[in-house]
């Protein structure tokens, strides 16, 4: 009996393909991981740019 379920497969949140995760936080297969990271980074940068504009406009 294995305690840590190493053979547990997960489904990719983007393509739905089954993959073996390296950790319990893994959400994407190896093919989609790069795409997902790039998308998340772009959204974060967009929010940061929007926040910096509102801070600059509020300063006297």
PDB file of N, CA and C in Angstrom:
ATOM      1  N   UNK A   1       0.836  -1.186   0.000  1.00  0.00           N
ATOM      2  CA  UNK A   1       0.000   0.000   0.000  1.00  0.00           C
ATOM      3  C   UNK A   1       0.879   1.246   0.000  1.00  0.00           C
ATOM      4  N   UNK A   2       0.633   2.106  -0.943  1.00  0.00           N
ATOM      5  CA  UNK A   2       1.414   3.336  -1.044  1.00  0.00           C
ATOM      6  C   UNK A   2       0.632   4.495  -0.436  1.00  0.00           C
ATOM      7  N   UNK A   3       1.274   5.250   0.399  1.00  0.00           N
ATOM      8  CA  UNK A   3       0.612   6.329   1.119  1.00  0.00           C
ATOM      9  C   UNK A   3       0.406   7.556   0.230  1.00  0.00           C
ATOM     10  N   UNK A   4       1.366   7.860  -0.578  1.00  0.00           N
ATOM     11  CA  UNK A   4       1.372   9.127  -1.315  1.00  0.00           C
ATOM     12  C   UNK A   4       0.813   9.055  -2.724  1.00  0.00           C
ATOM     13  N   UNK A   5       0.010   8.168  -3.110  1.00  0.00           N
ATOM     14  CA  UNK A   5      -0.680   8.133  -4.395  1.00  0.00           C
ATOM     15  C   UNK A   5       0.112   8.653  -5.584  1.00  0.00           C
ATOM     16  N   UNK A   6       1.294   8.132  -5.848  1.00  0.00           N
ATOM     17  CA  UNK A   6       2.143   8.614  -6.945  1.00  0.00           C
ATOM     18  C   UNK A   6       1.547   8.286  -8.315  1.00  0.00           C
ATOM     19  N   UNK A   7       0.672   7.316  -8.369  1.00  0.00           N
ATOM     20  CA  UNK A   7       0.118   6.886  -9.654  1.00  0.00           C
ATOM     21  C   UNK A   7      -1.174   7.598 -10.005  1.00  0.00           C
ATOM     22  N   UNK A   8      -1.529   8.642  -9.289  1.00  0.00           N
ATOM     23  CA  UNK A   8      -2.769   9.357  -9.528  1.00  0.00           C
ATOM     24  C   UNK A   8      -2.622  10.262 -10.747  1.00  0.00           C
ATOM     25  N   UNK A   9      -3.486  10.069 -11.703  1.00  0.00           N
ATOM     26  CA  UNK A   9      -3.468  10.890 -12.913  1.00  0.00           C
ATOM     27  C   UNK A   9      -4.427  12.063 -12.727  1.00  0.00           C
ATOM     28  N   UNK A  10      -4.114  13.176 -13.356  1.00  0.00           N
ATOM     29  CA  UNK A  10      -4.985  14.346 -13.350  1.00  0.00           C
ATOM     30  C   UNK A  10      -5.316  14.706 -14.784  1.00  0.00           C
ATOM     31  N   UNK A  11      -6.323  15.550 -14.956  1.00  0.00           N
ATOM     32  CA  UNK A  11      -6.710  16.047 -16.276  1.00  0.00           C
ATOM     33  C   UNK A  11      -6.247  17.488 -16.413  1.00  0.00           C
ATOM     34  N   UNK A  12      -5.704  17.831 -17.559  1.00  0.00           N
ATOM     35  CA  UNK A  12      -5.260  19.196 -17.845  1.00  0.00           C
ATOM     36  C   UNK A  12      -6.470  20.116 -17.903  1.00  0.00           C
ATOM     37  N   UNK A  13      -6.354  21.295 -17.295  1.00  0.00           N
ATOM     38  CA  UNK A  13      -7.461  22.250 -17.255  1.00  0.00           C
ATOM     39  C   UNK A  13      -7.698  22.907 -18.611  1.00  0.00           C
ATOM     40  N   UNK A  14      -6.734  22.854 -19.510  1.00  0.00           N
ATOM     41  CA  UNK A  14      -6.888  23.479 -20.827  1.00  0.00           C
ATOM     42  C   UNK A  14      -7.345  22.462 -21.884  1.00  0.00           C
ATOM     43  N   UNK A  15      -6.571  21.386 -22.039  1.00  0.00           N
ATOM     44  CA  UNK A  15      -6.872  20.447 -23.127  1.00  0.00           C
ATOM     45  C   UNK A  15      -7.614  19.196 -22.668  1.00  0.00           C
ATOM     46  N   UNK A  16      -7.600  18.905 -21.371  1.00  0.00           N
ATOM     47  CA  UNK A  16      -8.305  17.742 -20.860  1.00  0.00           C
ATOM     48  C   UNK A  16      -7.524  16.446 -20.946  1.00  0.00           C
ATOM     49  N   UNK A  17      -6.291  16.510 -21.412  1.00  0.00           N
ATOM     50  CA  UNK A  17      -5.462  15.322 -21.534  1.00  0.00           C
ATOM     51  C   UNK A  17      -5.018  14.856 -20.146  1.00  0.00           C
ATOM     52  N   UNK A  18      -4.966  13.554 -19.921  1.00  0.00           N
ATOM     53  CA  UNK A  18      -4.517  13.015 -18.640  1.00  0.00           C
ATOM     54  C   UNK A  18      -2.999  13.159 -18.546  1.00  0.00           C
ATOM     55  N   UNK A  19      -2.509  13.515 -17.355  1.00  0.00           N
ATOM     56  CA  UNK A  19      -1.064  13.644 -17.135  1.00  0.00           C
ATOM     57  C   UNK A  19      -0.724  13.248 -15.715  1.00  0.00           C
ATOM     58  N   UNK A  20       0.515  12.922 -15.481  1.00  0.00           N
ATOM     59  CA  UNK A  20       0.999  12.553 -14.155  1.00  0.00           C
ATOM     60  C   UNK A  20       1.604  13.801 -13.521  1.00  0.00           C
ATOM     61  N   UNK A  21       0.964  14.362 -12.490  1.00  0.00           N
ATOM     62  CA  UNK A  21       1.442  15.607 -11.909  1.00  0.00           C
ATOM     63  C   UNK A  21       2.710  15.407 -11.084  1.00  0.00           C
ATOM     64  N   UNK A  22       3.570  16.424 -11.079  1.00  0.00           N
ATOM     65  CA  UNK A  22       4.774  16.393 -10.265  1.00  0.00           C
ATOM     66  C   UNK A  22       4.491  16.830  -8.840  1.00  0.00           C
ATOM     67  N   UNK A  23       3.375  17.515  -8.627  1.00  0.00           N
ATOM     68  CA  UNK A  23       2.972  17.949  -7.293  1.00  0.00           C
ATOM     69  C   UNK A  23       1.449  17.973  -7.237  1.00  0.00           C
ATOM     70  N   UNK A  24       0.914  18.199  -6.045  1.00  0.00           N
ATOM     71  CA  UNK A  24      -0.544  18.218  -5.920  1.00  0.00           C
ATOM     72  C   UNK A  24      -1.142  19.520  -6.447  1.00  0.00           C
ATOM     73  N   UNK A  25      -0.316  20.524  -6.735  1.00  0.00           N
ATOM     74  CA  UNK A  25      -0.803  21.800  -7.245  1.00  0.00           C
ATOM     75  C   UNK A  25      -0.841  21.857  -8.772  1.00  0.00           C
ATOM     76  N   UNK A  26      -0.301  20.855  -9.442  1.00  0.00           N
ATOM     77  CA  UNK A  26      -0.232  20.847 -10.901  1.00  0.00           C
ATOM     78  C   UNK A  26      -1.631  20.869 -11.506  1.00  0.00           C
ATOM     79  N   UNK A  27      -1.826  21.748 -12.475  1.00  0.00           N
ATOM     80  CA  UNK A  27      -3.126  21.925 -13.095  1.00  0.00           C
ATOM     81  C   UNK A  27      -3.097  21.685 -14.594  1.00  0.00           C
ATOM     82  N   UNK A  28      -1.911  21.765 -15.195  1.00  0.00           N
ATOM     83  CA  UNK A  28      -1.765  21.697 -16.644  1.00  0.00           C
ATOM     84  C   UNK A  28      -0.762  20.621 -17.033  1.00  0.00           C
ATOM     85  N   UNK A  29      -0.971  20.021 -18.214  1.00  0.00           N
ATOM     86  CA  UNK A  29      -0.012  19.061 -18.746  1.00  0.00           C
ATOM     87  C   UNK A  29       1.232  19.815 -19.215  1.00  0.00           C
ATOM     88  N   UNK A  30       2.271  19.089 -19.563  1.00  0.00           N
ATOM     89  CA  UNK A  30       3.525  19.728 -19.970  1.00  0.00           C
ATOM     90  C   UNK A  30       3.356  20.570 -21.232  1.00  0.00           C
ATOM     91  N   UNK A  31       2.474  20.160 -22.125  1.00  0.00           N
ATOM     92  CA  UNK A  31       2.267  20.904 -23.364  1.00  0.00           C
ATOM     93  C   UNK A  31       1.571  22.238 -23.117  1.00  0.00           C
ATOM     94  N   UNK A  32       0.611  22.262 -22.212  1.00  0.00           N
ATOM     95  CA  UNK A  32      -0.186  23.468 -21.959  1.00  0.00           C
ATOM     96  C   UNK A  32       0.414  24.363 -20.882  1.00  0.00           C
ATOM     97  N   UNK A  33       1.353  23.851 -20.120  1.00  0.00           N
ATOM     98  CA  UNK A  33       1.923  24.612 -19.005  1.00  0.00           C
ATOM     99  C   UNK A  33       2.541  25.927 -19.461  1.00  0.00           C
ATOM    100  N   UNK A  34       3.295  25.907 -20.534  1.00  0.00           N
ATOM    101  CA  UNK A  34       3.942  27.116 -21.041  1.00  0.00           C
ATOM    102  C   UNK A  34       2.900  28.140 -21.491  1.00  0.00           C
ATOM    103  N   UNK A  35       1.864  27.675 -22.158  1.00  0.00           N
ATOM    104  CA  UNK A  35       0.791  28.559 -22.624  1.00  0.00           C
ATOM    105  C   UNK A  35       0.085  29.197 -21.439  1.00  0.00           C
ATOM    106  N   UNK A  36      -0.219  28.395 -20.421  1.00  0.00           N
ATOM    107  CA  UNK A  36      -0.920  28.896 -19.239  1.00  0.00           C
ATOM    108  C   UNK A  36      -0.068  29.910 -18.485  1.00  0.00           C
ATOM    109  N   UNK A  37       1.220  29.638 -18.329  1.00  0.00           N
ATOM    110  CA  UNK A  37       2.108  30.568 -17.621  1.00  0.00           C
ATOM    111  C   UNK A  37       2.220  31.886 -18.365  1.00  0.00           C
ATOM    112  N   UNK A  38       2.311  31.831 -19.677  1.00  0.00           N
ATOM    113  CA  UNK A  38       2.409  33.051 -20.479  1.00  0.00           C
ATOM    114  C   UNK A  38       1.138  33.880 -20.354  1.00  0.00           C
ATOM    115  N   UNK A  39      -0.025  33.214 -20.379  1.00  0.00           N
ATOM    116  CA  UNK A  39      -1.305  33.891 -20.250  1.00  0.00           C
ATOM    117  C   UNK A  39      -1.440  34.548 -18.863  1.00  0.00           C
ATOM    118  N   UNK A  40      -1.059  33.815 -17.810  1.00  0.00           N
ATOM    119  CA  UNK A  40      -1.145  34.358 -16.450  1.00  0.00           C
ATOM    120  C   UNK A  40      -0.205  35.534 -16.265  1.00  0.00           C
ATOM    121  N   UNK A  41       0.986  35.441 -16.832  1.00  0.00           N
ATOM    122  CA  UNK A  41       1.957  36.530 -16.724  1.00  0.00           C
ATOM    123  C   UNK A  41       1.452  37.779 -17.442  1.00  0.00           C
ATOM    124  N   UNK A  42       0.823  37.610 -18.592  1.00  0.00           N
ATOM    125  CA  UNK A  42       0.278  38.743 -19.341  1.00  0.00           C
ATOM    126  C   UNK A  42      -0.865  39.402 -18.573  1.00  0.00           C
ATOM    127  N   UNK A  43      -1.738  38.605 -17.960  1.00  0.00           N
ATOM    128  CA  UNK A  43      -2.842  39.168 -17.172  1.00  0.00           C
ATOM    129  C   UNK A  43      -2.319  39.932 -15.957  1.00  0.00           C
ATOM    130  N   UNK A  44      -1.296  39.388 -15.310  1.00  0.00           N
ATOM    131  CA  UNK A  44      -0.700  40.047 -14.142  1.00  0.00           C
ATOM    132  C   UNK A  44      -0.064  41.379 -14.551  1.00  0.00           C
ATOM    133  N   UNK A  45       0.669  41.386 -15.655  1.00  0.00           N
ATOM    134  CA  UNK A  45       1.308  42.610 -16.132  1.00  0.00           C
ATOM    135  C   UNK A  45       0.263  43.664 -16.498  1.00  0.00           C
ATOM    136  N   UNK A  46      -0.829  43.228 -17.089  1.00  0.00           N
ATOM    137  CA  UNK A  46      -1.910  44.150 -17.445  1.00  0.00           C
ATOM    138  C   UNK A  46      -2.513  44.784 -16.197  1.00  0.00           C
ATOM    139  N   UNK A  47      -2.753  43.982 -15.146  1.00  0.00           N
ATOM    140  CA  UNK A  47      -3.273  44.525 -13.885  1.00  0.00           C
ATOM    141  C   UNK A  47      -2.282  45.495 -13.251  1.00  0.00           C
ATOM    142  N   UNK A  48      -0.999  45.165 -13.286  1.00  0.00           N
ATOM    143  CA  UNK A  48       0.025  46.050 -12.708  1.00  0.00           C
ATOM    144  C   UNK A  48       0.085  47.371 -13.463  1.00  0.00           C
ATOM    145  N   UNK A  49       0.002  47.326 -14.777  1.00  0.00           N
ATOM    146  CA  UNK A  49       0.020  48.565 -15.565  1.00  0.00           C
ATOM    147  C   UNK A  49      -1.198  49.420 -15.245  1.00  0.00           C
ATOM    148  N   UNK A  50      -2.363  48.784 -15.109  1.00  0.00           N
ATOM    149  CA  UNK A  50      -3.591  49.522 -14.795  1.00  0.00           C
ATOM    150  C   UNK A  50      -3.490  50.155 -13.415  1.00  0.00           C
ATOM    151  N   UNK A  51      -2.940  49.435 -12.446  1.00  0.00           N
ATOM    152  CA  UNK A  51      -2.789  49.969 -11.096  1.00  0.00           C
ATOM    153  C   UNK A  51      -1.790  51.116 -11.053  1.00  0.00           C
ATOM    154  N   UNK A  52      -0.727  51.027 -11.816  1.00  0.00           N
ATOM    155  CA  UNK A  52       0.274  52.095 -11.794  1.00  0.00           C
ATOM    156  C   UNK A  52      -0.282  53.367 -12.436  1.00  0.00           C
ATOM    157  N   UNK A  53      -1.157  53.226 -13.403  1.00  0.00           N
ATOM    158  CA  UNK A  53      -1.770  54.401 -14.030  1.00  0.00           C
ATOM    159  C   UNK A  53      -2.705  55.112 -13.056  1.00  0.00           C
ATOM    160  N   UNK A  54      -3.473  54.335 -12.291  1.00  0.00           N
ATOM    161  CA  UNK A  54      -4.403  54.970 -11.346  1.00  0.00           C
ATOM    162  C   UNK A  54      -3.644  55.623 -10.208  1.00  0.00           C
ATOM    163  N   UNK A  55      -2.531  55.064  -9.796  1.00  0.00           N
ATOM    164  CA  UNK A  55      -1.714  55.673  -8.730  1.00  0.00           C
ATOM    165  C   UNK A  55      -1.099  56.976  -9.246  1.00  0.00           C
ATOM    166  N   UNK A  56      -0.600  56.964 -10.488  1.00  0.00           N
ATOM    167  CA  UNK A  56       0.012  58.178 -11.068  1.00  0.00           C
ATOM    168  C   UNK A  56      -1.010  59.289 -11.222  1.00  0.00           C
ATOM    169  N   UNK A  57      -2.239  58.960 -11.564  1.00  0.00           N
ATOM    170  CA  UNK A  57      -3.277  59.972 -11.763  1.00  0.00           C
ATOM    171  C   UNK A  57      -3.736  60.563 -10.443  1.00  0.00           C
ATOM    172  N   UNK A  58      -3.670  59.786  -9.352  1.00  0.00           N
ATOM    173  CA  UNK A  58      -4.140  60.273  -8.070  1.00  0.00           C
ATOM    174  C   UNK A  58      -3.100  61.125  -7.366  1.00  0.00           C
ATOM    175  N   UNK A  59      -1.840  61.010  -7.717  1.00  0.00           N
ATOM    176  CA  UNK A  59      -0.789  61.793  -7.065  1.00  0.00           C
ATOM    177  C   UNK A  59      -0.913  63.270  -7.425  1.00  0.00           C
ATOM    178  N   UNK A  60      -0.732  64.193  -6.444  1.00  0.00           N
ATOM    179  CA  UNK A  60      -0.843  65.634  -6.750  1.00  0.00           C
ATOM    180  C   UNK A  60       0.367  66.154  -7.493  1.00  0.00           C
TER     181      UNK A  60
END
